[in-house]
């Protein structure tokens, strides 16, 4: 996607047709876990803020990337075996169903860390 989008609906609508259902599903998962999270576009991709940066996601040709601030990926490396990961990203293959329970676990872990940081401040 090369054109600039201003909201998550436009991002998903502009995404390749084969990724849209998964993007809508991912959005529903995040919004169900963090109904009060602020939704927007950051770094030209969908972004959610819950007591600080919560999660981003993006569509690519062969995968959907979800991005969580460290150390979430490292702390869940055992559950993430089999996925391509970086310090802050998980690549979810387009050829497989979204791992809903795993996504929930990762997002919840980031929510807990964000909330703890706010409560500590």
N, C-alpha and C. Protein backbone atom coordinates (compact mmCIF):
# COMPACT_ATOMS: atom_id res chain seq x y z
N UNK A 1 0.84 -1.18 0.00
CA UNK A 1 0.00 0.00 0.00
C UNK A 1 0.88 1.24 0.00
N UNK A 2 0.72 2.04 -0.99
CA UNK A 2 1.56 3.22 -1.08
C UNK A 2 0.82 4.51 -0.78
N UNK A 3 -0.50 4.50 -0.90
CA UNK A 3 -1.20 5.74 -0.61
C UNK A 3 -1.36 5.92 0.89
N UNK A 4 -1.44 7.19 1.28
CA UNK A 4 -1.54 7.51 2.69
C UNK A 4 -2.97 7.32 3.17
N UNK A 5 -3.12 6.66 4.30
CA UNK A 5 -4.45 6.45 4.87
C UNK A 5 -4.54 7.20 6.19
N UNK A 6 -5.76 7.61 6.52
CA UNK A 6 -5.96 8.43 7.71
C UNK A 6 -6.60 7.67 8.86
N UNK A 7 -7.21 6.52 8.59
CA UNK A 7 -7.82 5.75 9.67
C UNK A 7 -7.73 4.26 9.38
N UNK A 8 -8.07 3.47 10.38
CA UNK A 8 -7.92 2.02 10.27
C UNK A 8 -8.86 1.44 9.22
N UNK A 9 -10.08 1.96 9.13
CA UNK A 9 -11.00 1.48 8.09
C UNK A 9 -10.40 1.65 6.71
N UNK A 10 -9.83 2.81 6.44
CA UNK A 10 -9.22 3.07 5.13
C UNK A 10 -8.02 2.17 4.90
N UNK A 11 -7.24 1.92 5.94
CA UNK A 11 -6.07 1.04 5.82
C UNK A 11 -6.53 -0.35 5.39
N UNK A 12 -7.52 -0.89 6.07
CA UNK A 12 -7.98 -2.24 5.77
C UNK A 12 -8.60 -2.28 4.37
N UNK A 13 -9.37 -1.28 4.03
CA UNK A 13 -10.00 -1.22 2.71
C UNK A 13 -8.94 -1.18 1.59
N UNK A 14 -7.81 -0.52 1.85
CA UNK A 14 -6.74 -0.40 0.85
C UNK A 14 -5.82 -1.62 0.83
N UNK A 15 -5.93 -2.49 1.82
CA UNK A 15 -5.07 -3.68 1.91
C UNK A 15 -5.44 -4.68 0.82
N UNK A 16 -4.51 -5.57 0.47
CA UNK A 16 -4.84 -6.62 -0.50
C UNK A 16 -6.07 -7.41 -0.05
N UNK A 17 -6.91 -7.73 -1.01
CA UNK A 17 -8.18 -8.40 -0.72
C UNK A 17 -8.00 -9.64 0.15
N UNK A 18 -6.96 -10.43 -0.13
CA UNK A 18 -6.76 -11.68 0.61
C UNK A 18 -6.38 -11.48 2.08
N UNK A 19 -5.99 -10.27 2.46
CA UNK A 19 -5.61 -10.02 3.86
C UNK A 19 -6.71 -9.33 4.67
N UNK A 20 -7.73 -8.80 4.03
CA UNK A 20 -8.73 -7.97 4.72
C UNK A 20 -9.46 -8.70 5.85
N UNK A 21 -9.89 -9.92 5.62
CA UNK A 21 -10.63 -10.65 6.65
C UNK A 21 -9.77 -10.82 7.91
N UNK A 22 -8.50 -11.14 7.71
CA UNK A 22 -7.60 -11.32 8.86
C UNK A 22 -7.35 -9.99 9.57
N UNK A 23 -7.24 -8.91 8.81
CA UNK A 23 -7.04 -7.60 9.43
C UNK A 23 -8.27 -7.21 10.25
N UNK A 24 -9.47 -7.44 9.71
CA UNK A 24 -10.68 -7.15 10.48
C UNK A 24 -10.73 -8.01 11.74
N UNK A 25 -10.35 -9.30 11.62
CA UNK A 25 -10.34 -10.19 12.77
C UNK A 25 -9.35 -9.71 13.82
N UNK A 26 -8.17 -9.33 13.40
CA UNK A 26 -7.15 -8.83 14.33
C UNK A 26 -7.65 -7.57 15.03
N UNK A 27 -8.26 -6.69 14.29
CA UNK A 27 -8.81 -5.47 14.87
C UNK A 27 -9.86 -5.81 15.93
N UNK A 28 -10.75 -6.74 15.62
CA UNK A 28 -11.79 -7.15 16.60
C UNK A 28 -11.17 -7.71 17.87
N UNK A 29 -10.13 -8.52 17.73
CA UNK A 29 -9.45 -9.10 18.88
C UNK A 29 -8.90 -8.00 19.78
N UNK A 30 -8.20 -7.05 19.18
CA UNK A 30 -7.59 -5.96 19.96
C UNK A 30 -8.66 -5.12 20.63
N UNK A 31 -9.70 -4.75 19.89
CA UNK A 31 -10.75 -3.90 20.46
C UNK A 31 -11.53 -4.61 21.56
N UNK A 32 -11.68 -5.93 21.45
CA UNK A 32 -12.36 -6.69 22.50
C UNK A 32 -11.53 -6.73 23.78
N UNK A 33 -10.21 -6.84 23.64
CA UNK A 33 -9.33 -6.88 24.80
C UNK A 33 -9.18 -5.51 25.46
N UNK A 34 -9.15 -4.49 24.64
CA UNK A 34 -8.90 -3.12 25.14
C UNK A 34 -9.94 -2.18 24.54
N UNK A 35 -11.20 -2.30 24.99
CA UNK A 35 -12.26 -1.50 24.38
C UNK A 35 -12.04 0.01 24.50
N UNK A 36 -11.29 0.43 25.49
CA UNK A 36 -11.03 1.86 25.66
C UNK A 36 -9.78 2.35 24.95
N UNK A 37 -9.10 1.47 24.24
CA UNK A 37 -7.86 1.85 23.57
C UNK A 37 -8.14 2.85 22.45
N UNK A 38 -7.24 3.79 22.31
CA UNK A 38 -7.33 4.77 21.23
C UNK A 38 -6.82 4.11 19.96
N UNK A 39 -7.62 4.19 18.89
CA UNK A 39 -7.26 3.60 17.61
C UNK A 39 -6.84 4.70 16.65
N UNK A 40 -5.79 4.45 15.90
CA UNK A 40 -5.35 5.43 14.92
C UNK A 40 -4.32 4.85 13.98
N UNK A 41 -3.67 5.75 13.26
CA UNK A 41 -2.60 5.35 12.34
C UNK A 41 -1.30 5.96 12.86
N UNK A 42 -0.28 5.12 12.99
CA UNK A 42 1.04 5.55 13.42
C UNK A 42 2.04 4.78 12.57
N UNK A 43 3.06 5.46 12.07
CA UNK A 43 4.00 4.83 11.15
C UNK A 43 3.28 4.28 9.92
N UNK A 44 2.17 4.90 9.56
CA UNK A 44 1.36 4.55 8.38
C UNK A 44 0.66 3.20 8.50
N UNK A 45 0.52 2.68 9.71
CA UNK A 45 -0.18 1.41 9.94
C UNK A 45 -1.11 1.56 11.14
N UNK A 46 -2.11 0.66 11.28
CA UNK A 46 -3.01 0.72 12.44
C UNK A 46 -2.26 0.59 13.75
N UNK A 47 -2.72 1.36 14.72
CA UNK A 47 -2.05 1.50 16.01
C UNK A 47 -3.10 1.62 17.09
N UNK A 48 -2.79 1.07 18.26
CA UNK A 48 -3.68 1.15 19.43
C UNK A 48 -2.88 1.61 20.63
N UNK A 49 -3.47 2.53 21.37
CA UNK A 49 -2.84 3.07 22.57
C UNK A 49 -3.71 2.73 23.76
N UNK A 50 -3.13 2.07 24.73
CA UNK A 50 -3.79 1.76 26.00
C UNK A 50 -2.76 2.01 27.09
N UNK A 51 -2.87 3.14 27.75
CA UNK A 51 -1.89 3.52 28.76
C UNK A 51 -0.48 3.57 28.16
N UNK A 52 -0.40 3.93 26.90
CA UNK A 52 0.85 3.95 26.15
C UNK A 52 0.72 3.05 24.94
N UNK A 53 1.77 2.98 24.12
CA UNK A 53 1.71 2.16 22.90
C UNK A 53 1.38 0.71 23.21
N UNK A 54 0.33 0.21 22.58
CA UNK A 54 -0.11 -1.16 22.83
C UNK A 54 0.31 -2.10 21.70
N UNK A 55 -0.18 -1.86 20.50
CA UNK A 55 0.10 -2.77 19.39
C UNK A 55 -0.14 -2.06 18.06
N UNK A 56 0.64 -2.45 17.06
CA UNK A 56 0.47 -2.03 15.69
C UNK A 56 0.26 -3.30 14.86
N UNK A 57 -0.34 -3.16 13.67
CA UNK A 57 -0.35 -4.30 12.75
C UNK A 57 -0.28 -3.80 11.31
N UNK A 58 0.20 -4.68 10.43
CA UNK A 58 0.37 -4.31 9.02
C UNK A 58 0.24 -5.54 8.13
N UNK A 59 -0.30 -5.31 6.94
CA UNK A 59 -0.44 -6.38 5.95
C UNK A 59 0.74 -6.36 4.99
N UNK A 60 1.26 -7.53 4.71
CA UNK A 60 2.31 -7.72 3.73
C UNK A 60 1.88 -8.83 2.77
N UNK A 61 2.65 -9.05 1.75
CA UNK A 61 2.27 -10.04 0.75
C UNK A 61 2.08 -11.43 1.34
N UNK A 62 3.00 -11.86 2.20
CA UNK A 62 2.97 -13.23 2.72
C UNK A 62 2.64 -13.35 4.20
N UNK A 63 2.49 -12.23 4.87
CA UNK A 63 2.20 -12.29 6.31
C UNK A 63 1.52 -11.02 6.80
N UNK A 64 0.99 -11.11 8.00
CA UNK A 64 0.53 -9.94 8.74
C UNK A 64 1.49 -9.77 9.89
N UNK A 65 2.02 -8.59 10.02
CA UNK A 65 2.94 -8.31 11.12
C UNK A 65 2.20 -7.67 12.27
N UNK A 66 2.46 -8.16 13.47
CA UNK A 66 1.98 -7.45 14.67
C UNK A 66 3.22 -6.99 15.41
N UNK A 67 3.13 -5.80 15.96
CA UNK A 67 4.28 -5.15 16.57
C UNK A 67 3.93 -4.73 17.99
N UNK A 68 4.75 -5.18 18.93
CA UNK A 68 4.57 -4.88 20.35
C UNK A 68 5.91 -4.43 20.90
N UNK A 69 5.89 -3.39 21.71
CA UNK A 69 7.14 -2.93 22.30
C UNK A 69 7.78 -4.04 23.12
N UNK A 70 9.11 -4.10 23.09
CA UNK A 70 9.83 -5.09 23.90
C UNK A 70 9.48 -4.92 25.38
N UNK A 71 9.56 -5.97 26.14
CA UNK A 71 10.15 -7.29 25.90
C UNK A 71 9.13 -8.37 25.58
N UNK A 72 7.95 -8.02 25.09
CA UNK A 72 6.87 -8.99 24.93
C UNK A 72 7.27 -10.19 24.06
N UNK A 73 7.85 -9.95 22.91
CA UNK A 73 8.23 -11.06 22.02
C UNK A 73 9.24 -11.97 22.72
N UNK A 74 10.24 -11.38 23.33
CA UNK A 74 11.27 -12.17 24.03
C UNK A 74 10.66 -12.99 25.17
N UNK A 75 9.76 -12.39 25.91
CA UNK A 75 9.14 -13.09 27.05
C UNK A 75 8.25 -14.26 26.61
N UNK A 76 7.82 -14.25 25.36
CA UNK A 76 6.94 -15.31 24.86
C UNK A 76 7.59 -16.12 23.73
N UNK A 77 8.92 -16.14 23.73
CA UNK A 77 9.62 -16.81 22.63
C UNK A 77 9.29 -18.30 22.53
N UNK A 78 9.00 -18.93 23.64
CA UNK A 78 8.65 -20.36 23.60
C UNK A 78 7.35 -20.57 22.81
N UNK A 79 6.33 -19.75 23.10
CA UNK A 79 5.05 -19.86 22.39
C UNK A 79 5.17 -19.41 20.93
N UNK A 80 6.18 -18.60 20.65
CA UNK A 80 6.34 -18.04 19.30
C UNK A 80 7.25 -18.87 18.40
N UNK A 81 7.74 -20.00 18.92
CA UNK A 81 8.53 -20.88 18.06
C UNK A 81 7.69 -21.24 16.83
N UNK A 82 8.31 -21.24 15.69
CA UNK A 82 7.58 -21.54 14.47
C UNK A 82 7.14 -20.30 13.71
N UNK A 83 7.24 -19.14 14.37
CA UNK A 83 6.92 -17.87 13.71
C UNK A 83 8.20 -17.09 13.49
N UNK A 84 8.23 -16.31 12.44
CA UNK A 84 9.33 -15.38 12.25
C UNK A 84 9.11 -14.23 13.22
N UNK A 85 10.14 -13.91 14.00
CA UNK A 85 10.02 -12.82 14.97
C UNK A 85 11.24 -11.92 14.90
N UNK A 86 11.07 -10.72 15.41
CA UNK A 86 12.18 -9.80 15.65
C UNK A 86 12.03 -9.36 17.10
N UNK A 87 12.79 -8.38 17.49
CA UNK A 87 12.72 -7.89 18.86
C UNK A 87 11.31 -7.40 19.23
N UNK A 88 10.59 -6.88 18.24
CA UNK A 88 9.27 -6.32 18.53
C UNK A 88 8.18 -6.76 17.56
N UNK A 89 8.45 -7.73 16.69
CA UNK A 89 7.47 -8.13 15.69
C UNK A 89 7.25 -9.62 15.63
N UNK A 90 6.03 -9.98 15.23
CA UNK A 90 5.68 -11.37 14.96
C UNK A 90 5.05 -11.39 13.58
N UNK A 91 5.54 -12.28 12.72
CA UNK A 91 4.99 -12.42 11.37
C UNK A 91 4.01 -13.59 11.38
N UNK A 92 2.76 -13.30 11.09
CA UNK A 92 1.73 -14.32 11.05
C UNK A 92 1.47 -14.67 9.58
N UNK A 93 1.79 -15.89 9.16
CA UNK A 93 1.67 -16.25 7.74
C UNK A 93 0.25 -16.12 7.22
N UNK A 94 0.15 -15.63 5.99
CA UNK A 94 -1.17 -15.49 5.35
C UNK A 94 -1.80 -16.85 5.08
N UNK A 95 -1.00 -17.89 5.02
CA UNK A 95 -1.49 -19.23 4.68
C UNK A 95 -2.09 -19.97 5.87
N UNK A 96 -2.03 -19.37 7.06
CA UNK A 96 -2.54 -20.02 8.26
C UNK A 96 -3.58 -19.14 8.95
N UNK A 97 -4.52 -19.75 9.68
CA UNK A 97 -5.46 -18.95 10.46
C UNK A 97 -4.70 -18.14 11.52
N UNK A 98 -5.27 -17.01 11.90
CA UNK A 98 -4.64 -16.23 12.97
C UNK A 98 -4.65 -17.04 14.26
N UNK A 99 -3.55 -17.04 15.01
CA UNK A 99 -3.50 -17.74 16.30
C UNK A 99 -4.14 -16.85 17.37
N UNK A 100 -5.45 -16.89 17.44
CA UNK A 100 -6.22 -15.96 18.28
C UNK A 100 -5.77 -15.99 19.74
N UNK A 101 -5.65 -17.17 20.32
CA UNK A 101 -5.26 -17.27 21.74
C UNK A 101 -3.87 -16.65 21.96
N UNK A 102 -2.96 -16.87 21.05
CA UNK A 102 -1.61 -16.32 21.17
C UNK A 102 -1.64 -14.80 21.03
N UNK A 103 -2.38 -14.29 20.08
CA UNK A 103 -2.50 -12.84 19.92
C UNK A 103 -3.06 -12.22 21.19
N UNK A 104 -4.11 -12.82 21.73
CA UNK A 104 -4.70 -12.30 22.98
C UNK A 104 -3.66 -12.29 24.10
N UNK A 105 -2.90 -13.35 24.21
CA UNK A 105 -1.89 -13.45 25.27
C UNK A 105 -0.84 -12.34 25.13
N UNK A 106 -0.38 -12.10 23.91
CA UNK A 106 0.64 -11.07 23.68
C UNK A 106 0.10 -9.67 23.98
N UNK A 107 -1.09 -9.39 23.49
CA UNK A 107 -1.68 -8.06 23.71
C UNK A 107 -1.97 -7.85 25.20
N UNK A 108 -2.49 -8.86 25.87
CA UNK A 108 -2.75 -8.74 27.31
C UNK A 108 -1.46 -8.48 28.08
N UNK A 109 -0.39 -9.16 27.69
CA UNK A 109 0.89 -8.96 28.37
C UNK A 109 1.35 -7.51 28.22
N UNK A 110 1.19 -6.94 27.03
CA UNK A 110 1.58 -5.53 26.82
C UNK A 110 0.66 -4.61 27.60
N UNK A 111 -0.63 -4.93 27.68
CA UNK A 111 -1.58 -4.12 28.46
C UNK A 111 -1.17 -4.08 29.92
N UNK A 112 -0.80 -5.22 30.47
CA UNK A 112 -0.40 -5.30 31.88
C UNK A 112 0.83 -4.44 32.12
N UNK A 113 1.81 -4.52 31.24
CA UNK A 113 3.03 -3.71 31.40
C UNK A 113 2.72 -2.21 31.27
N UNK A 114 1.88 -1.85 30.32
CA UNK A 114 1.52 -0.44 30.16
C UNK A 114 0.80 0.09 31.39
N UNK A 115 -0.16 -0.68 31.87
CA UNK A 115 -0.94 -0.26 33.05
C UNK A 115 -0.04 -0.14 34.28
N UNK A 116 0.87 -1.08 34.46
CA UNK A 116 1.79 -1.05 35.59
C UNK A 116 2.68 0.20 35.54
N UNK A 117 3.12 0.56 34.35
CA UNK A 117 3.97 1.75 34.21
C UNK A 117 3.19 3.01 34.56
N UNK A 118 1.93 3.08 34.16
CA UNK A 118 1.09 4.24 34.47
C UNK A 118 0.82 4.31 35.97
N UNK A 119 0.50 3.15 36.57
CA UNK A 119 0.22 3.11 38.01
C UNK A 119 1.45 3.48 38.84
N UNK A 120 2.61 3.13 38.34
CA UNK A 120 3.86 3.40 39.05
C UNK A 120 4.22 4.89 39.01
N UNK A 121 3.84 5.53 37.92
CA UNK A 121 4.21 6.95 37.71
C UNK A 121 3.48 7.89 38.66
